[in-house]
């Protein structure tokens, strides 16, 4: 079964064509600068990437058409016709409280997704554009929406509610939603397979650490808490996002520097995090290089990030009444052994011991805890596209 996975942004579109049963990726690529000058990249399996500049992409429709044309191209295509695409899985950032699982897209589902637009004004409208473009070019092909927020809909009220006047929840749906759900779902399922136990018997802490970072407490396969909140700005300090912050700071800085809320949010989202703290970069590789040369701010940014991750791991272990394994995933979690080491330092009170030799690994599944560690530490590369494809195939059948 061939599944086309689409992740549509406001001016970009990532795609993969894959078989979820064999996990074979037939082709993948990226459409960039949609609505501007159009940049197209296509990488068929076993061949060099095909990069084309200045492909006319005034809208997402032209971007999707470029993808479909590449997939059936006589020279570099990987399928004979559009009929070999059995279904399309769409990443949708926000499903609010309406969606606790992936769903087949109908007119009613589209209307419900649009109702969630105010909760993700930068993402959901772009996701909807991608869906409509595929519907126009692949009529009759099943379309599935896979939501970043759905996995966290199992959180109990004590975890997702904020201590605000209750009317803001009732009228405006202000609550913790959480994100990266597809990633957390995938890696916790892989963790259960690696540990050889049913996921229903495991307490897991999933650390999705990258330019955007979040942690999830997963008890029996269900998310019971997560660090991102009403928006992806909450939780850990990230590449350029501040993470958890005293809201009173906003009033103080806005009054002092004459900023309106839009300028303040721009600071919190795009000028803060490890980039703001280090004055160097949002890229952890740059931080490590600068810290090695004696840059104290870069060193502080790394330590602050690891400290906050460690605090969440400890608090989620307490929330679940124990933990069987801690998982590291995403760009930083999969590739930065120094950050993993800093996070795990001091967690021996939980029975967690990192094996320094085993931790010397990048980007592949591995057990990196010591043999006598009561809490296992796992490195699991995330694969959100595969998770989307698996959900899509199950519903399309």
Protein backbone atom coordinates (compact mmCIF):
# COMPACT_ATOMS: atom_id res chain seq x y z
CA UNK A 1 0.00 0.00 0.00
CA UNK A 2 1.52 3.33 -1.07
CA UNK A 3 0.79 6.31 1.18
CA UNK A 4 1.62 9.89 0.25
CA UNK A 5 2.40 11.89 3.40
CA UNK A 6 1.96 15.65 3.16
CA UNK A 7 3.15 18.24 5.69
CA UNK A 8 2.01 21.62 4.36
CA UNK A 9 3.27 24.89 5.79
CA UNK A 10 2.33 28.42 4.81
CA UNK A 11 5.04 28.65 2.11
CA UNK A 12 6.52 25.14 2.10
CA UNK A 13 5.45 21.53 1.72
CA UNK A 14 7.31 18.38 2.78
CA UNK A 15 6.30 15.05 1.29
CA UNK A 16 7.09 11.34 1.31
CA UNK A 17 5.70 8.41 -0.63
CA UNK A 18 6.14 5.26 1.43
CA UNK A 19 4.84 1.78 2.11
CA UNK A 20 3.99 1.55 5.83
CA UNK A 21 3.99 -2.25 5.80
CA UNK A 22 7.56 -2.58 4.48
CA UNK A 23 8.63 0.88 5.77
CA UNK A 24 10.16 1.51 2.36
CA UNK A 25 10.42 5.18 1.40
CA UNK A 26 9.91 5.35 -2.37
CA UNK A 27 10.53 9.09 -2.69
CA UNK A 28 10.63 12.24 -0.61
CA UNK A 29 11.30 15.91 -1.01
CA UNK A 30 10.41 19.50 -0.33
CA UNK A 31 8.60 22.38 -2.02
CA UNK A 32 9.83 25.75 -0.76
CA UNK A 33 9.00 29.42 -1.33
CA UNK A 34 5.45 28.66 -2.48
CA UNK A 35 3.87 31.89 -3.63
CA UNK A 36 7.27 33.50 -4.20
CA UNK A 37 9.64 31.91 -6.72
CA UNK A 38 9.26 28.17 -6.05
CA UNK A 39 12.06 25.75 -5.14
CA UNK A 40 11.51 22.02 -5.66
CA UNK A 41 13.52 19.05 -4.38
CA UNK A 42 12.72 15.43 -5.23
CA UNK A 43 14.69 12.40 -4.03
CA UNK A 44 13.67 9.01 -5.45
CA UNK A 45 14.89 5.92 -3.62
CA UNK A 46 18.38 4.86 -4.66
CA UNK A 47 19.01 7.90 -6.83
CA UNK A 48 20.49 11.36 -6.49
CA UNK A 49 18.18 14.16 -5.44
CA UNK A 50 16.66 16.19 -8.24
CA UNK A 51 16.76 19.89 -7.37
CA UNK A 52 14.91 22.35 -9.54
CA UNK A 53 14.95 26.09 -8.94
CA UNK A 54 12.26 28.52 -10.02
CA UNK A 55 9.44 26.00 -10.44
CA UNK A 56 6.22 28.02 -10.75
CA UNK A 57 4.35 27.51 -7.49
CA UNK A 58 2.01 30.45 -7.02
CA UNK A 59 -0.19 28.26 -4.79
CA UNK A 60 -0.07 24.87 -3.07
CA UNK A 61 -1.97 23.39 -6.01
CA UNK A 62 1.05 23.87 -8.27
CA UNK A 63 3.34 22.49 -5.54
CA UNK A 64 1.26 19.32 -5.18
CA UNK A 65 1.11 18.96 -8.98
CA UNK A 66 4.92 19.22 -9.13
CA UNK A 67 5.15 16.42 -6.55
CA UNK A 68 2.70 14.17 -8.41
CA UNK A 69 4.38 14.82 -11.76
CA UNK A 70 7.75 13.86 -10.27
CA UNK A 71 6.37 10.65 -8.80
CA UNK A 72 5.16 9.44 -12.23
CA UNK A 73 7.97 10.97 -14.31
CA UNK A 74 9.25 8.40 -16.88
CA UNK A 75 12.90 9.05 -15.98
CA UNK A 76 12.85 9.50 -12.19
CA UNK A 77 9.36 8.44 -11.15
CA UNK A 78 8.70 5.62 -8.70
CA UNK A 79 5.10 4.73 -9.66
CA UNK A 80 3.37 4.17 -12.98
CA UNK A 81 0.28 6.30 -12.36
CA UNK A 82 -1.61 8.27 -9.73
CA UNK A 83 -3.78 5.20 -9.15
CA UNK A 84 -0.86 3.63 -7.30
CA UNK A 85 -1.27 6.23 -4.51
CA UNK A 86 -3.72 4.43 -2.24
CA UNK A 87 -4.26 7.26 0.28
CA UNK A 88 -2.87 10.59 1.43
CA UNK A 89 -2.00 11.32 5.06
CA UNK A 90 -1.95 14.97 6.09
CA UNK A 91 -0.19 16.32 9.15
CA UNK A 92 -2.59 18.73 10.88
CA UNK A 93 -1.13 20.65 13.81
CA UNK A 94 -4.23 21.34 15.90
CA UNK A 95 -7.33 19.23 16.44
CA UNK A 96 -8.40 20.93 19.66
CA UNK A 97 -10.67 18.74 21.77
CA UNK A 98 -12.52 17.57 18.68
CA UNK A 99 -10.03 14.89 17.63
CA UNK A 100 -8.44 12.29 19.89
CA UNK A 101 -7.25 10.16 16.97
CA UNK A 102 -6.57 10.30 13.25
CA UNK A 103 -9.66 10.48 11.02
CA UNK A 104 -10.77 10.13 7.41
CA UNK A 105 -11.32 13.61 6.03
CA UNK A 106 -14.93 14.49 5.24
CA UNK A 107 -16.67 17.84 4.79
CA UNK A 108 -17.61 17.70 8.48
CA UNK A 109 -13.99 17.01 9.49
CA UNK A 110 -12.77 19.91 7.35
CA UNK A 111 -15.25 22.23 9.04
CA UNK A 112 -14.07 21.06 12.45
CA UNK A 113 -10.41 21.60 11.52
CA UNK A 114 -11.26 25.12 10.36
CA UNK A 115 -12.91 25.78 13.73
CA UNK A 116 -9.51 25.06 15.31
CA UNK A 117 -7.77 27.72 13.18
CA UNK A 118 -7.74 30.32 16.00
CA UNK A 119 -5.78 27.84 18.14
CA UNK A 120 -3.04 27.47 15.48
CA UNK A 121 -3.36 30.46 13.13
CA UNK A 122 0.08 29.92 11.55
CA UNK A 123 -0.33 26.20 10.92
CA UNK A 124 -3.91 24.95 10.50
CA UNK A 125 -4.84 27.24 7.57
CA UNK A 126 -1.75 26.01 5.69
CA UNK A 127 -2.62 22.39 6.51
CA UNK A 128 -6.12 22.97 5.13
CA UNK A 129 -4.71 24.46 1.91
CA UNK A 130 -2.61 21.30 1.44
CA UNK A 131 -5.63 19.07 1.96
CA UNK A 132 -7.76 20.98 -0.54
CA UNK A 133 -4.97 20.94 -3.11
CA UNK A 134 -4.67 17.15 -2.86
CA UNK A 135 -8.43 16.70 -3.03
CA UNK A 136 -8.51 18.70 -6.25
CA UNK A 137 -5.69 16.75 -7.89
CA UNK A 138 -6.47 13.29 -6.49
CA UNK A 139 -10.27 13.07 -6.51
CA UNK A 140 -11.59 9.88 -4.97
CA UNK A 141 -8.35 9.09 -3.13
CA UNK A 142 -8.90 8.67 0.65
CA UNK A 143 -7.48 11.56 2.69
CA UNK A 144 -6.61 11.22 6.39
CA UNK A 145 -5.87 13.92 8.96
CA UNK A 146 -3.25 13.05 11.59
CA UNK A 147 -3.16 15.60 14.42
CA UNK A 148 -0.15 16.72 16.48
CA UNK A 149 -2.47 17.23 19.44
CA UNK A 150 -4.51 14.01 19.27
CA UNK A 151 -2.11 11.78 21.22
CA UNK A 152 -2.32 14.08 24.24
CA UNK A 153 -6.13 14.04 24.45
CA UNK A 154 -5.83 11.25 27.04
CA UNK A 155 -4.42 13.69 29.62
CA UNK A 156 -6.55 13.97 32.77
CA UNK A 157 -8.09 17.38 33.64
CA UNK A 158 -5.61 17.91 36.48
CA UNK A 159 -2.82 17.85 33.87
CA UNK A 160 -4.44 19.85 31.07
CA UNK A 161 -6.33 22.55 32.99
CA UNK A 162 -4.79 25.92 33.86
CA UNK A 163 -5.59 27.64 37.15
CA UNK A 164 -7.48 30.42 35.39
CA UNK A 165 -11.16 31.36 35.75
CA UNK A 166 -13.03 28.27 34.55
CA UNK A 167 -15.04 30.32 32.07
CA UNK A 168 -11.93 30.68 29.85
CA UNK A 169 -11.93 26.93 29.40
CA UNK A 170 -15.69 26.66 28.93
CA UNK A 171 -16.00 29.54 26.46
CA UNK A 172 -12.57 29.75 24.86
CA UNK A 173 -11.08 26.24 25.29
CA UNK A 174 -7.96 27.60 27.01
CA UNK A 175 -6.14 24.48 28.26
CA UNK A 176 -2.98 22.47 27.72
CA UNK A 177 -3.05 20.69 24.37
CA UNK A 178 0.53 19.56 23.78
CA UNK A 179 2.23 18.94 20.45
CA UNK A 180 4.70 16.53 18.81
CA UNK A 181 2.08 13.86 19.52
CA UNK A 182 2.89 11.82 16.41
CA UNK A 183 6.55 11.65 17.42
CA UNK A 184 5.82 10.75 21.04
CA UNK A 185 3.40 8.04 19.91
CA UNK A 186 5.91 6.53 17.47
CA UNK A 187 8.91 6.41 19.81
CA UNK A 188 6.95 5.04 22.78
CA UNK A 189 5.62 2.22 20.59
CA UNK A 190 9.18 1.50 19.43
CA UNK A 191 10.36 1.58 23.06
CA UNK A 192 7.88 -1.12 24.00
CA UNK A 193 9.14 -3.27 21.12
CA UNK A 194 12.78 -2.72 22.16
CA UNK A 195 11.99 -3.60 25.77
CA UNK A 196 9.96 -6.65 24.74
CA UNK A 197 6.96 -5.67 26.87
CA UNK A 198 3.37 -4.64 26.12
CA UNK A 199 3.15 -0.86 26.09
CA UNK A 200 0.18 -1.15 28.46
CA UNK A 201 2.61 -2.29 31.18
CA UNK A 202 5.15 0.52 30.76
CA UNK A 203 5.70 3.98 32.19
CA UNK A 204 7.74 5.97 29.67
CA UNK A 205 9.12 9.50 29.42
CA UNK A 206 9.64 10.66 25.84
CA UNK A 207 12.07 13.54 25.30
CA UNK A 208 11.60 15.08 21.84
CA UNK A 209 14.57 17.44 21.82
CA UNK A 210 15.23 19.64 18.81
CA UNK A 211 14.79 23.22 17.69
CA UNK A 212 11.29 22.68 19.05
CA UNK A 213 11.29 20.49 22.15
CA UNK A 214 8.70 18.78 24.31
CA UNK A 215 8.53 15.99 26.87
CA UNK A 216 5.64 13.59 27.39
CA UNK A 217 4.76 11.29 30.26
CA UNK A 218 3.23 8.15 28.72
CA UNK A 219 1.61 5.65 31.08
CA UNK A 220 0.31 2.44 29.54
CA UNK A 221 0.61 3.88 26.04
CA UNK A 222 -1.43 6.98 26.90
CA UNK A 223 -0.14 10.52 27.30
CA UNK A 224 -0.85 11.71 30.84
CA UNK A 225 1.14 14.96 30.71
CA UNK A 226 3.29 16.96 28.33
CA UNK A 227 5.43 20.07 28.52
CA UNK A 228 4.02 22.16 25.66
CA UNK A 229 0.77 23.84 26.53
CA UNK A 230 -1.96 25.93 24.90
CA UNK A 231 0.70 26.78 22.31
CA UNK A 232 4.11 25.29 21.42
CA UNK A 233 5.75 28.19 23.30
CA UNK A 234 5.43 26.52 26.70
CA UNK A 235 7.69 24.03 28.45
CA UNK A 236 11.39 23.70 27.75
CA UNK A 237 13.61 26.48 26.46
CA UNK A 238 14.07 25.65 22.77
CA UNK A 239 16.05 26.91 19.80
CA UNK A 240 14.47 30.36 19.79
CA UNK A 241 11.43 29.91 22.11
CA UNK A 242 11.66 30.84 25.77
CA UNK A 243 9.58 28.00 27.21
CA UNK A 244 7.93 28.45 30.62
CA UNK A 245 8.17 32.03 31.86
CA UNK A 246 6.65 34.25 34.56
CA UNK A 247 3.84 36.08 32.75
CA UNK A 248 4.59 39.18 34.80
CA UNK A 249 7.82 39.57 32.84
CA UNK A 250 5.78 40.38 29.74
CA UNK A 251 4.10 43.36 31.38
CA UNK A 252 7.41 44.59 32.80
CA UNK A 253 9.28 44.47 29.47
CA UNK A 254 6.38 45.75 27.39
CA UNK A 255 5.97 48.79 29.63
CA UNK A 256 9.71 49.47 29.83
CA UNK A 257 10.44 49.19 26.10
CA UNK A 258 7.10 50.28 24.66
CA UNK A 259 6.37 46.93 22.99
CA UNK A 260 2.91 45.76 21.99
CA UNK A 261 1.95 42.11 22.46
CA UNK A 262 2.91 41.15 18.90
CA UNK A 263 6.45 42.46 19.36
CA UNK A 264 6.68 40.76 22.73
CA UNK A 265 5.56 37.42 21.30
CA UNK A 266 8.08 37.81 18.50
CA UNK A 267 10.80 38.11 21.17
CA UNK A 268 9.49 35.06 23.06
CA UNK A 269 9.11 32.91 19.93
CA UNK A 270 11.99 33.98 17.71
CA UNK A 271 14.66 35.70 19.80
CA UNK A 272 14.73 33.70 23.02
CA UNK A 273 15.58 30.11 23.97
CA UNK A 274 19.17 28.97 23.70
CA UNK A 275 19.82 31.52 20.96
CA UNK A 276 18.78 34.42 23.14
CA UNK A 277 20.58 33.11 26.21
CA UNK A 278 23.81 32.22 24.39
CA UNK A 279 23.94 35.21 22.01
CA UNK A 280 25.44 32.64 19.61
CA UNK A 281 22.94 30.40 17.82
CA UNK A 282 19.82 28.25 18.05
CA UNK A 283 21.88 25.31 16.73
CA UNK A 284 23.22 23.11 19.52
CA UNK A 285 26.25 22.21 17.40
CA UNK A 286 27.24 25.87 17.38
CA UNK A 287 26.71 26.07 21.14
CA UNK A 288 28.94 23.07 21.75
CA UNK A 289 31.70 24.51 19.56
CA UNK A 290 31.48 27.93 21.22
CA UNK A 291 31.43 26.43 24.73
CA UNK A 292 34.53 24.37 23.89
CA UNK A 293 36.32 27.64 23.09
CA UNK A 294 35.39 29.07 26.49
CA UNK A 295 32.18 30.95 25.65
CA UNK A 296 30.43 31.11 29.02
CA UNK A 297 27.01 32.09 27.63
CA UNK A 298 26.98 29.15 25.20
CA UNK A 299 27.95 26.85 28.07
CA UNK A 300 25.14 28.33 30.20
CA UNK A 301 22.58 27.82 27.41
CA UNK A 302 23.50 24.12 27.14
CA UNK A 303 23.36 23.64 30.90
CA UNK A 304 20.07 25.51 31.23
CA UNK A 305 18.47 23.36 28.54
CA UNK A 306 19.70 20.10 30.08
CA UNK A 307 18.67 21.26 33.56
CA UNK A 308 15.11 21.94 32.45
CA UNK A 309 14.87 18.58 30.67
CA UNK A 310 16.14 16.84 33.81
CA UNK A 311 13.53 18.65 35.94
CA UNK A 312 10.72 17.47 33.67
CA UNK A 313 12.01 13.89 33.71
CA UNK A 314 12.02 13.92 37.51
CA UNK A 315 8.59 15.51 37.79
CA UNK A 316 7.01 13.12 35.28
CA UNK A 317 8.49 10.12 37.07
CA UNK A 318 6.80 11.45 40.21
CA UNK A 319 3.53 12.10 38.36
CA UNK A 320 3.40 8.51 37.10
CA UNK A 321 4.68 6.93 40.31
CA UNK A 322 7.79 5.59 38.59
CA UNK A 323 9.32 5.17 35.17
CA UNK A 324 10.61 2.19 33.19
CA UNK A 325 12.49 4.04 30.46
CA UNK A 326 13.52 7.50 29.31
CA UNK A 327 13.61 8.03 25.54
CA UNK A 328 15.70 10.56 23.63
CA UNK A 329 14.56 11.49 20.14
CA UNK A 330 14.55 14.29 17.49
CA UNK A 331 17.56 16.24 16.20
CA UNK A 332 19.26 17.04 19.50
CA UNK A 333 18.04 13.97 21.37
CA UNK A 334 19.25 11.62 18.64
CA UNK A 335 22.59 13.25 17.89
CA UNK A 336 23.93 15.20 20.88
CA UNK A 337 25.60 12.82 23.31
CA UNK A 338 26.77 15.70 25.51
CA UNK A 339 23.22 16.94 26.10
CA UNK A 340 22.03 13.39 26.84
CA UNK A 341 24.85 13.00 29.35
CA UNK A 342 24.03 16.33 31.03
CA UNK A 343 20.34 15.42 31.28
CA UNK A 344 21.06 12.04 32.87
CA UNK A 345 23.66 13.35 35.32
CA UNK A 346 22.15 13.35 38.78
CA UNK A 347 19.28 10.98 37.99
CA UNK A 348 20.96 8.05 39.70
CA UNK A 349 18.56 8.56 42.65
CA UNK A 350 15.87 7.21 40.27
CA UNK A 351 17.99 4.17 39.48
CA UNK A 352 19.04 5.63 36.12
CA UNK A 353 22.65 5.11 35.02
CA UNK A 354 23.99 6.15 31.61
CA UNK A 355 26.69 4.05 29.94
CA UNK A 356 29.18 6.56 28.51
CA UNK A 357 30.43 4.14 25.86
CA UNK A 358 26.93 3.15 24.77
CA UNK A 359 25.99 6.85 24.69
CA UNK A 360 28.65 7.47 22.02
CA UNK A 361 26.14 6.94 19.21
CA UNK A 362 24.16 9.06 16.77
CA UNK A 363 20.89 8.60 14.96
CA UNK A 364 20.14 4.92 15.47
CA UNK A 365 18.14 2.84 17.90
CA UNK A 366 20.19 1.90 20.94
CA UNK A 367 19.99 1.15 24.65
CA UNK A 368 22.42 3.66 26.17
CA UNK A 369 21.92 2.91 29.86
CA UNK A 370 24.26 0.80 31.98
CA UNK A 371 23.52 -2.89 32.36
CA UNK A 372 22.54 -2.43 36.01
CA UNK A 373 20.39 0.66 35.41
CA UNK A 374 16.90 0.11 36.83
CA UNK A 375 15.53 2.74 34.44
CA UNK A 376 16.45 2.08 30.83
CA UNK A 377 17.66 4.94 28.63
CA UNK A 378 16.82 4.56 24.95
CA UNK A 379 17.84 6.44 21.83
CA UNK A 380 15.10 6.14 19.19
CA UNK A 381 15.11 8.17 15.96
CA UNK A 382 11.65 9.54 15.42
CA UNK A 383 9.71 8.84 12.24
CA UNK A 384 6.59 10.97 12.16
CA UNK A 385 6.03 10.31 8.46
CA UNK A 386 5.90 6.56 9.06
CA UNK A 387 3.48 7.03 11.96
CA UNK A 388 1.25 9.20 9.76
CA UNK A 389 1.43 6.56 7.01
CA UNK A 390 0.53 3.75 9.42
CA UNK A 391 -2.53 5.63 10.71
CA UNK A 392 -3.52 6.59 7.18
CA UNK A 393 -3.25 3.02 5.86
CA UNK A 394 -5.33 1.64 8.73
CA UNK A 395 -8.14 4.11 8.09
CA UNK A 396 -7.96 3.88 4.29
CA UNK A 397 -8.44 0.11 4.43
